[in-house]
């Protein structure tokens, strides 16, 4: 699995950004070939660090090949143009995650 994450800082116009993000950007992203799941979460509060965060979107792809194909697709390019148009590019930090190392409490080796 390959995950692409977008973290968005707090926009000046929260209601306007949320409206545009939900009504135009998310539907475009959802058309990306190879995309298996999208999770969008509002950041309830920033506990430590700056700046204050607003949203986190996690896009799931089956593997690196599906992710690479998605990045080259016209649908992904259109979603990027839309994100720039709604002011999200200036707010975003984006990154790709490796498969997670799962650590189960109680099974951690303390040595």
PDB file of N, CA and C in Angstrom:
ATOM      1  N   UNK A   1       0.844  -1.180   0.000  1.00  0.00           N
ATOM      2  CA  UNK A   1       0.000   0.000   0.000  1.00  0.00           C
ATOM      3  C   UNK A   1       0.889   1.244   0.000  1.00  0.00           C
ATOM      4  N   UNK A   2       0.500   2.232  -0.767  1.00  0.00           N
ATOM      5  CA  UNK A   2       1.162   3.538  -0.774  1.00  0.00           C
ATOM      6  C   UNK A   2       0.124   4.577  -0.380  1.00  0.00           C
ATOM      7  N   UNK A   3       0.523   5.464   0.531  1.00  0.00           N
ATOM      8  CA  UNK A   3      -0.385   6.523   0.974  1.00  0.00           C
ATOM      9  C   UNK A   3       0.230   7.881   0.683  1.00  0.00           C
ATOM     10  N   UNK A   4      -0.614   8.754   0.153  1.00  0.00           N
ATOM     11  CA  UNK A   4      -0.235  10.140  -0.125  1.00  0.00           C
ATOM     12  C   UNK A   4      -1.017  11.000   0.855  1.00  0.00           C
ATOM     13  N   UNK A   5      -0.306  11.847   1.599  1.00  0.00           N
ATOM     14  CA  UNK A   5      -0.926  12.643   2.650  1.00  0.00           C
ATOM     15  C   UNK A   5      -0.805  14.124   2.326  1.00  0.00           C
ATOM     16  N   UNK A   6      -1.898  14.841   2.535  1.00  0.00           N
ATOM     17  CA  UNK A   6      -1.901  16.300   2.410  1.00  0.00           C
ATOM     18  C   UNK A   6      -2.362  16.885   3.734  1.00  0.00           C
ATOM     19  N   UNK A   7      -1.511  17.695   4.346  1.00  0.00           N
ATOM     20  CA  UNK A   7      -1.852  18.418   5.568  1.00  0.00           C
ATOM     21  C   UNK A   7      -2.086  19.875   5.190  1.00  0.00           C
ATOM     22  N   UNK A   8      -3.203  20.416   5.633  1.00  0.00           N
ATOM     23  CA  UNK A   8      -3.546  21.798   5.295  1.00  0.00           C
ATOM     24  C   UNK A   8      -3.525  22.665   6.547  1.00  0.00           C
ATOM     25  N   UNK A   9      -2.793  23.788   6.463  1.00  0.00           N
ATOM     26  CA  UNK A   9      -2.803  24.766   7.543  1.00  0.00           C
ATOM     27  C   UNK A   9      -4.155  25.480   7.559  1.00  0.00           C
ATOM     28  N   UNK A  10      -4.423  26.184   8.632  1.00  0.00           N
ATOM     29  CA  UNK A  10      -5.689  26.896   8.808  1.00  0.00           C
ATOM     30  C   UNK A  10      -5.832  27.997   7.756  1.00  0.00           C
ATOM     31  N   UNK A  11      -6.884  27.940   6.932  1.00  0.00           N
ATOM     32  CA  UNK A  11      -7.091  29.002   5.938  1.00  0.00           C
ATOM     33  C   UNK A  11      -7.689  30.247   6.586  1.00  0.00           C
ATOM     34  N   UNK A  12      -7.529  31.389   5.942  1.00  0.00           N
ATOM     35  CA  UNK A  12      -8.121  32.634   6.451  1.00  0.00           C
ATOM     36  C   UNK A  12      -9.646  32.543   6.433  1.00  0.00           C
ATOM     37  N   UNK A  13     -10.202  31.960   5.378  1.00  0.00           N
ATOM     38  CA  UNK A  13     -11.659  31.793   5.246  1.00  0.00           C
ATOM     39  C   UNK A  13     -11.981  30.305   5.358  1.00  0.00           C
ATOM     40  N   UNK A  14     -12.171  29.837   6.579  1.00  0.00           N
ATOM     41  CA  UNK A  14     -12.395  28.414   6.832  1.00  0.00           C
ATOM     42  C   UNK A  14     -13.636  27.911   6.105  1.00  0.00           C
ATOM     43  N   UNK A  15     -14.748  28.620   6.235  1.00  0.00           N
ATOM     44  CA  UNK A  15     -15.997  28.158   5.614  1.00  0.00           C
ATOM     45  C   UNK A  15     -15.871  28.099   4.094  1.00  0.00           C
ATOM     46  N   UNK A  16     -15.278  29.106   3.497  1.00  0.00           N
ATOM     47  CA  UNK A  16     -15.100  29.128   2.048  1.00  0.00           C
ATOM     48  C   UNK A  16     -14.182  28.016   1.569  1.00  0.00           C
ATOM     49  N   UNK A  17     -13.078  27.818   2.276  1.00  0.00           N
ATOM     50  CA  UNK A  17     -12.155  26.746   1.903  1.00  0.00           C
ATOM     51  C   UNK A  17     -12.833  25.386   2.029  1.00  0.00           C
ATOM     52  N   UNK A  18     -13.507  25.161   3.153  1.00  0.00           N
ATOM     53  CA  UNK A  18     -14.181  23.873   3.357  1.00  0.00           C
ATOM     54  C   UNK A  18     -15.219  23.615   2.270  1.00  0.00           C
ATOM     55  N   UNK A  19     -15.977  24.630   1.917  1.00  0.00           N
ATOM     56  CA  UNK A  19     -16.995  24.480   0.871  1.00  0.00           C
ATOM     57  C   UNK A  19     -16.342  24.095  -0.454  1.00  0.00           C
ATOM     58  N   UNK A  20     -15.329  24.850  -0.855  1.00  0.00           N
ATOM     59  CA  UNK A  20     -14.665  24.575  -2.127  1.00  0.00           C
ATOM     60  C   UNK A  20     -13.957  23.222  -2.108  1.00  0.00           C
ATOM     61  N   UNK A  21     -13.328  22.900  -1.007  1.00  0.00           N
ATOM     62  CA  UNK A  21     -12.599  21.634  -0.887  1.00  0.00           C
ATOM     63  C   UNK A  21     -13.556  20.453  -1.035  1.00  0.00           C
ATOM     64  N   UNK A  22     -14.674  20.514  -0.317  1.00  0.00           N
ATOM     65  CA  UNK A  22     -15.644  19.403  -0.352  1.00  0.00           C
ATOM     66  C   UNK A  22     -16.418  19.348  -1.661  1.00  0.00           C
ATOM     67  N   UNK A  23     -16.813  20.490  -2.193  1.00  0.00           N
ATOM     68  CA  UNK A  23     -17.688  20.508  -3.364  1.00  0.00           C
ATOM     69  C   UNK A  23     -16.942  20.371  -4.693  1.00  0.00           C
ATOM     70  N   UNK A  24     -15.689  20.829  -4.758  1.00  0.00           N
ATOM     71  CA  UNK A  24     -14.983  20.752  -6.040  1.00  0.00           C
ATOM     72  C   UNK A  24     -13.743  19.865  -5.985  1.00  0.00           C
ATOM     73  N   UNK A  25     -12.918  20.014  -4.946  1.00  0.00           N
ATOM     74  CA  UNK A  25     -11.643  19.287  -4.932  1.00  0.00           C
ATOM     75  C   UNK A  25     -11.818  17.791  -4.659  1.00  0.00           C
ATOM     76  N   UNK A  26     -12.525  17.447  -3.617  1.00  0.00           N
ATOM     77  CA  UNK A  26     -12.679  16.028  -3.271  1.00  0.00           C
ATOM     78  C   UNK A  26     -13.311  15.226  -4.413  1.00  0.00           C
ATOM     79  N   UNK A  27     -14.368  15.727  -5.073  1.00  0.00           N
ATOM     80  CA  UNK A  27     -14.918  14.955  -6.204  1.00  0.00           C
ATOM     81  C   UNK A  27     -13.912  14.748  -7.341  1.00  0.00           C
ATOM     82  N   UNK A  28     -13.033  15.723  -7.586  1.00  0.00           N
ATOM     83  CA  UNK A  28     -12.008  15.554  -8.613  1.00  0.00           C
ATOM     84  C   UNK A  28     -10.975  14.515  -8.197  1.00  0.00           C
ATOM     85  N   UNK A  29     -10.508  14.592  -6.964  1.00  0.00           N
ATOM     86  CA  UNK A  29      -9.540  13.618  -6.462  1.00  0.00           C
ATOM     87  C   UNK A  29     -10.126  12.207  -6.550  1.00  0.00           C
ATOM     88  N   UNK A  30     -11.400  12.068  -6.222  1.00  0.00           N
ATOM     89  CA  UNK A  30     -12.052  10.750  -6.205  1.00  0.00           C
ATOM     90  C   UNK A  30     -12.070  10.091  -7.584  1.00  0.00           C
ATOM     91  N   UNK A  31     -11.888  10.861  -8.646  1.00  0.00           N
ATOM     92  CA  UNK A  31     -11.866  10.315 -10.005  1.00  0.00           C
ATOM     93  C   UNK A  31     -10.488   9.788 -10.402  1.00  0.00           C
ATOM     94  N   UNK A  32      -9.494   9.939  -9.551  1.00  0.00           N
ATOM     95  CA  UNK A  32      -8.129   9.517  -9.869  1.00  0.00           C
ATOM     96  C   UNK A  32      -8.064   8.002 -10.027  1.00  0.00           C
ATOM     97  N   UNK A  33      -7.564   7.515 -11.164  1.00  0.00           N
ATOM     98  CA  UNK A  33      -7.463   6.066 -11.345  1.00  0.00           C
ATOM     99  C   UNK A  33      -6.478   5.455 -10.354  1.00  0.00           C
ATOM    100  N   UNK A  34      -6.819   4.294  -9.844  1.00  0.00           N
ATOM    101  CA  UNK A  34      -5.953   3.591  -8.899  1.00  0.00           C
ATOM    102  C   UNK A  34      -6.137   3.993  -7.457  1.00  0.00           C
ATOM    103  N   UNK A  35      -6.903   5.011  -7.219  1.00  0.00           N
ATOM    104  CA  UNK A  35      -7.166   5.459  -5.851  1.00  0.00           C
ATOM    105  C   UNK A  35      -8.172   4.505  -5.220  1.00  0.00           C
ATOM    106  N   UNK A  36      -7.825   3.918  -4.081  1.00  0.00           N
ATOM    107  CA  UNK A  36      -8.726   2.948  -3.459  1.00  0.00           C
ATOM    108  C   UNK A  36      -9.505   3.520  -2.285  1.00  0.00           C
ATOM    109  N   UNK A  37      -8.984   4.594  -1.690  1.00  0.00           N
ATOM    110  CA  UNK A  37      -9.664   5.148  -0.515  1.00  0.00           C
ATOM    111  C   UNK A  37      -9.150   6.556  -0.253  1.00  0.00           C
ATOM    112  N   UNK A  38     -10.039   7.419   0.213  1.00  0.00           N
ATOM    113  CA  UNK A  38      -9.652   8.765   0.634  1.00  0.00           C
ATOM    114  C   UNK A  38     -10.219   8.986   2.029  1.00  0.00           C
ATOM    115  N   UNK A  39      -9.381   9.423   2.941  1.00  0.00           N
ATOM    116  CA  UNK A  39      -9.817   9.778   4.295  1.00  0.00           C
ATOM    117  C   UNK A  39      -9.538  11.266   4.478  1.00  0.00           C
ATOM    118  N   UNK A  40     -10.557  12.015   4.838  1.00  0.00           N
ATOM    119  CA  UNK A  40     -10.386  13.442   5.123  1.00  0.00           C
ATOM    120  C   UNK A  40     -10.806  13.654   6.568  1.00  0.00           C
ATOM    121  N   UNK A  41      -9.894  14.211   7.352  1.00  0.00           N
ATOM    122  CA  UNK A  41     -10.160  14.460   8.771  1.00  0.00           C
ATOM    123  C   UNK A  41      -9.895  15.911   9.105  1.00  0.00           C
ATOM    124  N   UNK A  42     -10.786  16.502   9.869  1.00  0.00           N
ATOM    125  CA  UNK A  42     -10.537  17.839  10.402  1.00  0.00           C
ATOM    126  C   UNK A  42      -9.628  17.667  11.620  1.00  0.00           C
ATOM    127  N   UNK A  43      -8.635  18.532  11.717  1.00  0.00           N
ATOM    128  CA  UNK A  43      -7.755  18.502  12.882  1.00  0.00           C
ATOM    129  C   UNK A  43      -8.502  19.199  14.013  1.00  0.00           C
ATOM    130  N   UNK A  44      -8.804  18.448  15.050  1.00  0.00           N
ATOM    131  CA  UNK A  44      -9.575  19.003  16.161  1.00  0.00           C
ATOM    132  C   UNK A  44      -8.811  20.105  16.868  1.00  0.00           C
ATOM    133  N   UNK A  45      -7.543  19.858  17.148  1.00  0.00           N
ATOM    134  CA  UNK A  45      -6.697  20.892  17.724  1.00  0.00           C
ATOM    135  C   UNK A  45      -5.251  20.495  17.549  1.00  0.00           C
ATOM    136  N   UNK A  46      -4.397  21.488  17.455  1.00  0.00           N
ATOM    137  CA  UNK A  46      -2.960  21.253  17.378  1.00  0.00           C
ATOM    138  C   UNK A  46      -2.450  21.209  18.808  1.00  0.00           C
ATOM    139  N   UNK A  47      -1.892  20.074  19.191  1.00  0.00           N
ATOM    140  CA  UNK A  47      -1.432  19.877  20.562  1.00  0.00           C
ATOM    141  C   UNK A  47      -0.023  20.444  20.747  1.00  0.00           C
ATOM    142  N   UNK A  48       0.838  20.249  19.766  1.00  0.00           N
ATOM    143  CA  UNK A  48       2.217  20.706  19.860  1.00  0.00           C
ATOM    144  C   UNK A  48       2.691  21.107  18.477  1.00  0.00           C
ATOM    145  N   UNK A  49       3.347  22.219  18.385  1.00  0.00           N
ATOM    146  CA  UNK A  49       3.925  22.644  17.111  1.00  0.00           C
ATOM    147  C   UNK A  49       3.122  23.732  16.429  1.00  0.00           C
ATOM    148  N   UNK A  50       3.758  24.318  15.470  1.00  0.00           N
ATOM    149  CA  UNK A  50       3.164  25.364  14.648  1.00  0.00           C
ATOM    150  C   UNK A  50       3.299  24.944  13.209  1.00  0.00           C
ATOM    151  N   UNK A  51       2.491  25.332  12.325  1.00  0.00           N
ATOM    152  CA  UNK A  51       1.326  26.190  12.506  1.00  0.00           C
ATOM    153  C   UNK A  51       0.102  25.376  12.891  1.00  0.00           C
ATOM    154  N   UNK A  52      -0.987  26.082  13.140  1.00  0.00           N
ATOM    155  CA  UNK A  52      -2.232  25.404  13.443  1.00  0.00           C
ATOM    156  C   UNK A  52      -2.715  24.691  12.183  1.00  0.00           C
ATOM    157  N   UNK A  53      -3.060  23.426  12.320  1.00  0.00           N
ATOM    158  CA  UNK A  53      -3.501  22.625  11.182  1.00  0.00           C
ATOM    159  C   UNK A  53      -5.016  22.587  11.099  1.00  0.00           C
ATOM    160  N   UNK A  54      -5.527  22.410   9.882  1.00  0.00           N
ATOM    161  CA  UNK A  54      -6.972  22.423   9.637  1.00  0.00           C
ATOM    162  C   UNK A  54      -7.507  21.072   9.177  1.00  0.00           C
ATOM    163  N   UNK A  55      -6.923  20.519   8.116  1.00  0.00           N
ATOM    164  CA  UNK A  55      -7.401  19.254   7.553  1.00  0.00           C
ATOM    165  C   UNK A  55      -6.227  18.343   7.246  1.00  0.00           C
ATOM    166  N   UNK A  56      -6.511  17.041   7.245  1.00  0.00           N
ATOM    167  CA  UNK A  56      -5.564  16.051   6.765  1.00  0.00           C
ATOM    168  C   UNK A  56      -6.315  15.136   5.814  1.00  0.00           C
ATOM    169  N   UNK A  57      -5.767  14.953   4.626  1.00  0.00           N
ATOM    170  CA  UNK A  57      -6.336  14.023   3.661  1.00  0.00           C
ATOM    171  C   UNK A  57      -5.316  12.924   3.408  1.00  0.00           C
ATOM    172  N   UNK A  58      -5.770  11.671   3.474  1.00  0.00           N
ATOM    173  CA  UNK A  58      -4.906  10.527   3.203  1.00  0.00           C
ATOM    174  C   UNK A  58      -5.509   9.762   2.034  1.00  0.00           C
ATOM    175  N   UNK A  59      -4.741   9.652   0.955  1.00  0.00           N
ATOM    176  CA  UNK A  59      -5.191   8.938  -0.232  1.00  0.00           C
ATOM    177  C   UNK A  59      -4.446   7.617  -0.311  1.00  0.00           C
ATOM    178  N   UNK A  60      -5.187   6.535  -0.455  1.00  0.00           N
ATOM    179  CA  UNK A  60      -4.625   5.186  -0.452  1.00  0.00           C
ATOM    180  C   UNK A  60      -4.564   4.618  -1.868  1.00  0.00           C
ATOM    181  N   UNK A  61      -3.429   3.999  -2.185  1.00  0.00           N
ATOM    182  CA  UNK A  61      -3.218   3.324  -3.460  1.00  0.00           C
ATOM    183  C   UNK A  61      -2.714   1.910  -3.151  1.00  0.00           C
ATOM    184  N   UNK A  62      -3.051   0.957  -4.002  1.00  0.00           N
ATOM    185  CA  UNK A  62      -2.692  -0.438  -3.749  1.00  0.00           C
ATOM    186  C   UNK A  62      -1.187  -0.632  -3.596  1.00  0.00           C
ATOM    187  N   UNK A  63      -0.405   0.075  -4.412  1.00  0.00           N
ATOM    188  CA  UNK A  63       1.045  -0.098  -4.389  1.00  0.00           C
ATOM    189  C   UNK A  63       1.711   1.090  -5.077  1.00  0.00           C
ATOM    190  N   UNK A  64       3.026   1.038  -5.151  1.00  0.00           N
ATOM    191  CA  UNK A  64       3.793   2.138  -5.748  1.00  0.00           C
ATOM    192  C   UNK A  64       3.454   2.317  -7.226  1.00  0.00           C
ATOM    193  N   UNK A  65       3.224   1.226  -7.943  1.00  0.00           N
ATOM    194  CA  UNK A  65       2.893   1.321  -9.369  1.00  0.00           C
ATOM    195  C   UNK A  65       1.561   2.036  -9.573  1.00  0.00           C
ATOM    196  N   UNK A  66       0.569   1.715  -8.758  1.00  0.00           N
ATOM    197  CA  UNK A  66      -0.738   2.387  -8.863  1.00  0.00           C
ATOM    198  C   UNK A  66      -0.602   3.864  -8.526  1.00  0.00           C
ATOM    199  N   UNK A  67       0.216   4.172  -7.548  1.00  0.00           N
ATOM    200  CA  UNK A  67       0.443   5.564  -7.164  1.00  0.00           C
ATOM    201  C   UNK A  67       1.120   6.336  -8.304  1.00  0.00           C
ATOM    202  N   UNK A  68       2.167   5.753  -8.888  1.00  0.00           N
ATOM    203  CA  UNK A  68       2.872   6.421  -9.989  1.00  0.00           C
ATOM    204  C   UNK A  68       1.943   6.663 -11.173  1.00  0.00           C
ATOM    205  N   UNK A  69       1.113   5.676 -11.495  1.00  0.00           N
ATOM    206  CA  UNK A  69       0.156   5.838 -12.599  1.00  0.00           C
ATOM    207  C   UNK A  69      -0.843   6.947 -12.282  1.00  0.00           C
ATOM    208  N   UNK A  70      -1.301   6.996 -11.047  1.00  0.00           N
ATOM    209  CA  UNK A  70      -2.252   8.036 -10.636  1.00  0.00           C
ATOM    210  C   UNK A  70      -1.634   9.420 -10.767  1.00  0.00           C
ATOM    211  N   UNK A  71      -0.372   9.566 -10.355  1.00  0.00           N
ATOM    212  CA  UNK A  71       0.306  10.863 -10.421  1.00  0.00           C
ATOM    213  C   UNK A  71       0.449  11.353 -11.866  1.00  0.00           C
ATOM    214  N   UNK A  72       0.492  10.432 -12.806  1.00  0.00           N
ATOM    215  CA  UNK A  72       0.648  10.787 -14.215  1.00  0.00           C
ATOM    216  C   UNK A  72      -0.693  10.977 -14.927  1.00  0.00           C
ATOM    217  N   UNK A  73      -1.791  10.784 -14.227  1.00  0.00           N
ATOM    218  CA  UNK A  73      -3.109  10.819 -14.872  1.00  0.00           C
ATOM    219  C   UNK A  73      -3.624  12.250 -15.058  1.00  0.00           C
ATOM    220  N   UNK A  74      -4.449  12.462 -16.087  1.00  0.00           N
ATOM    221  CA  UNK A  74      -5.062  13.779 -16.268  1.00  0.00           C
ATOM    222  C   UNK A  74      -6.012  14.134 -15.131  1.00  0.00           C
ATOM    223  N   UNK A  75      -6.615  13.140 -14.502  1.00  0.00           N
ATOM    224  CA  UNK A  75      -7.524  13.404 -13.371  1.00  0.00           C
ATOM    225  C   UNK A  75      -6.761  13.994 -12.194  1.00  0.00           C
ATOM    226  N   UNK A  76      -5.561  13.450 -11.919  1.00  0.00           N
ATOM    227  CA  UNK A  76      -4.738  13.976 -10.823  1.00  0.00           C
ATOM    228  C   UNK A  76      -4.281  15.394 -11.144  1.00  0.00           C
ATOM    229  N   UNK A  77      -3.895  15.618 -12.398  1.00  0.00           N
ATOM    230  CA  UNK A  77      -3.468  16.963 -12.809  1.00  0.00           C
ATOM    231  C   UNK A  77      -4.608  17.964 -12.644  1.00  0.00           C
ATOM    232  N   UNK A  78      -5.812  17.568 -13.013  1.00  0.00           N
ATOM    233  CA  UNK A  78      -6.976  18.457 -12.866  1.00  0.00           C
ATOM    234  C   UNK A  78      -7.242  18.765 -11.401  1.00  0.00           C
ATOM    235  N   UNK A  79      -7.099  17.758 -10.538  1.00  0.00           N
ATOM    236  CA  UNK A  79      -7.320  18.011  -9.105  1.00  0.00           C
ATOM    237  C   UNK A  79      -6.261  18.977  -8.568  1.00  0.00           C
ATOM    238  N   UNK A  80      -5.043  18.901  -9.082  1.00  0.00           N
ATOM    239  CA  UNK A  80      -3.991  19.838  -8.680  1.00  0.00           C
ATOM    240  C   UNK A  80      -4.291  21.261  -9.120  1.00  0.00           C
ATOM    241  N   UNK A  81      -4.787  21.400 -10.350  1.00  0.00           N
ATOM    242  CA  UNK A  81      -5.172  22.737 -10.825  1.00  0.00           C
ATOM    243  C   UNK A  81      -6.296  23.303  -9.959  1.00  0.00           C
ATOM    244  N   UNK A  82      -7.242  22.448  -9.605  1.00  0.00           N
ATOM    245  CA  UNK A  82      -8.352  22.883  -8.751  1.00  0.00           C
ATOM    246  C   UNK A  82      -7.842  23.300  -7.378  1.00  0.00           C
ATOM    247  N   UNK A  83      -6.931  22.528  -6.810  1.00  0.00           N
ATOM    248  CA  UNK A  83      -6.404  22.866  -5.491  1.00  0.00           C
ATOM    249  C   UNK A  83      -5.725  24.234  -5.515  1.00  0.00           C
ATOM    250  N   UNK A  84      -4.999  24.514  -6.580  1.00  0.00           N
ATOM    251  CA  UNK A  84      -4.376  25.836  -6.713  1.00  0.00           C
ATOM    252  C   UNK A  84      -5.444  26.921  -6.817  1.00  0.00           C
ATOM    253  N   UNK A  85      -6.505  26.652  -7.561  1.00  0.00           N
ATOM    254  CA  UNK A  85      -7.569  27.647  -7.760  1.00  0.00           C
ATOM    255  C   UNK A  85      -8.318  27.972  -6.481  1.00  0.00           C
ATOM    256  N   UNK A  86      -8.460  26.985  -5.584  1.00  0.00           N
ATOM    257  CA  UNK A  86      -9.199  27.240  -4.337  1.00  0.00           C
ATOM    258  C   UNK A  86      -8.284  27.697  -3.206  1.00  0.00           C
ATOM    259  N   UNK A  87      -6.993  27.868  -3.482  1.00  0.00           N
ATOM    260  CA  UNK A  87      -6.057  28.386  -2.483  1.00  0.00           C
ATOM    261  C   UNK A  87      -5.444  27.332  -1.590  1.00  0.00           C
ATOM    262  N   UNK A  88      -5.593  26.066  -1.916  1.00  0.00           N
ATOM    263  CA  UNK A  88      -5.081  25.001  -1.061  1.00  0.00           C
ATOM    264  C   UNK A  88      -3.604  24.717  -1.193  1.00  0.00           C
ATOM    265  N   UNK A  89      -3.021  25.031  -2.346  1.00  0.00           N
ATOM    266  CA  UNK A  89      -1.606  24.727  -2.551  1.00  0.00           C
ATOM    267  C   UNK A  89      -0.738  25.489  -1.547  1.00  0.00           C
ATOM    268  N   UNK A  90      -1.072  26.760  -1.296  1.00  0.00           N
ATOM    269  CA  UNK A  90      -0.269  27.549  -0.344  1.00  0.00           C
ATOM    270  C   UNK A  90      -0.416  27.044   1.094  1.00  0.00           C
ATOM    271  N   UNK A  91      -1.489  26.321   1.370  1.00  0.00           N
ATOM    272  CA  UNK A  91      -1.754  25.833   2.726  1.00  0.00           C
ATOM    273  C   UNK A  91      -1.193  24.441   2.977  1.00  0.00           C
ATOM    274  N   UNK A  92      -0.797  23.748   1.918  1.00  0.00           N
ATOM    275  CA  UNK A  92      -0.537  22.311   2.013  1.00  0.00           C
ATOM    276  C   UNK A  92       0.919  21.938   2.224  1.00  0.00           C
ATOM    277  N   UNK A  93       1.089  20.865   2.968  1.00  0.00           N
ATOM    278  CA  UNK A  93       2.328  20.102   3.029  1.00  0.00           C
ATOM    279  C   UNK A  93       1.929  18.707   2.578  1.00  0.00           C
ATOM    280  N   UNK A  94       2.633  18.150   1.589  1.00  0.00           N
ATOM    281  CA  UNK A  94       2.256  16.851   1.029  1.00  0.00           C
ATOM    282  C   UNK A  94       3.441  15.911   1.092  1.00  0.00           C
ATOM    283  N   UNK A  95       3.148  14.635   1.351  1.00  0.00           N
ATOM    284  CA  UNK A  95       4.206  13.641   1.425  1.00  0.00           C
ATOM    285  C   UNK A  95       3.647  12.253   1.175  1.00  0.00           C
ATOM    286  N   UNK A  96       4.552  11.315   0.873  1.00  0.00           N
ATOM    287  CA  UNK A  96       4.202   9.920   0.615  1.00  0.00           C
ATOM    288  C   UNK A  96       4.736   9.090   1.773  1.00  0.00           C
ATOM    289  N   UNK A  97       3.916   8.154   2.255  1.00  0.00           N
ATOM    290  CA  UNK A  97       4.308   7.305   3.374  1.00  0.00           C
ATOM    291  C   UNK A  97       4.697   5.909   2.913  1.00  0.00           C
ATOM    292  N   UNK A  98       5.716   5.354   3.555  1.00  0.00           N
ATOM    293  CA  UNK A  98       6.043   3.933   3.399  1.00  0.00           C
ATOM    294  C   UNK A  98       4.995   3.115   4.133  1.00  0.00           C
ATOM    295  N   UNK A  99       5.031   1.807   3.923  1.00  0.00           N
ATOM    296  CA  UNK A  99       4.168   0.929   4.713  1.00  0.00           C
ATOM    297  C   UNK A  99       4.504   1.125   6.190  1.00  0.00           C
ATOM    298  N   UNK A 100       3.489   1.115   7.032  1.00  0.00           N
ATOM    299  CA  UNK A 100       3.757   1.380   8.448  1.00  0.00           C
ATOM    300  C   UNK A 100       4.405   0.194   9.158  1.00  0.00           C
ATOM    301  N   UNK A 101       5.208   0.514  10.152  1.00  0.00           N
ATOM    302  CA  UNK A 101       5.674  -0.482  11.106  1.00  0.00           C
ATOM    303  C   UNK A 101       4.630  -0.480  12.213  1.00  0.00           C
ATOM    304  N   UNK A 102       3.963  -1.600  12.400  1.00  0.00           N
ATOM    305  CA  UNK A 102       2.902  -1.664  13.401  1.00  0.00           C
ATOM    306  C   UNK A 102       3.505  -2.086  14.730  1.00  0.00           C
ATOM    307  N   UNK A 103       3.294  -1.263  15.734  1.00  0.00           N
ATOM    308  CA  UNK A 103       3.796  -1.524  17.083  1.00  0.00           C
ATOM    309  C   UNK A 103       2.602  -1.742  17.980  1.00  0.00           C
ATOM    310  N   UNK A 104       2.506  -2.937  18.534  1.00  0.00           N
ATOM    311  CA  UNK A 104       1.388  -3.273  19.394  1.00  0.00           C
ATOM    312  C   UNK A 104       1.784  -3.055  20.847  1.00  0.00           C
ATOM    313  N   UNK A 105       1.017  -2.241  21.597  1.00  0.00           N
ATOM    314  CA  UNK A 105       1.332  -2.042  23.014  1.00  0.00           C
ATOM    315  C   UNK A 105       1.390  -3.391  23.737  1.00  0.00           C
ATOM    316  N   UNK A 106       2.371  -3.523  24.602  1.00  0.00           N
ATOM    317  CA  UNK A 106       2.527  -4.776  25.343  1.00  0.00           C
ATOM    318  C   UNK A 106       3.450  -5.752  24.650  1.00  0.00           C
ATOM    319  N   UNK A 107       3.715  -5.543  23.368  1.00  0.00           N
ATOM    320  CA  UNK A 107       4.597  -6.430  22.631  1.00  0.00           C
ATOM    321  C   UNK A 107       5.921  -5.757  22.277  1.00  0.00           C
ATOM    322  N   UNK A 108       6.165  -4.592  22.845  1.00  0.00           N
ATOM    323  CA  UNK A 108       7.375  -3.839  22.558  1.00  0.00           C
ATOM    324  C   UNK A 108       8.533  -4.430  23.356  1.00  0.00           C
ATOM    325  N   UNK A 109       9.645  -4.687  22.677  1.00  0.00           N
ATOM    326  CA  UNK A 109      10.833  -5.198  23.334  1.00  0.00           C
ATOM    327  C   UNK A 109      11.545  -4.036  24.006  1.00  0.00           C
ATOM    328  N   UNK A 110      11.680  -4.084  25.314  1.00  0.00           N
ATOM    329  CA  UNK A 110      12.288  -2.988  26.083  1.00  0.00           C
ATOM    330  C   UNK A 110      13.796  -3.132  26.230  1.00  0.00           C
ATOM    331  N   UNK A 111      14.410  -4.078  25.555  1.00  0.00           N
ATOM    332  CA  UNK A 111      15.850  -4.318  25.732  1.00  0.00           C
ATOM    333  C   UNK A 111      16.643  -3.649  24.672  1.00  0.00           C
TER     334      UNK A 111
END
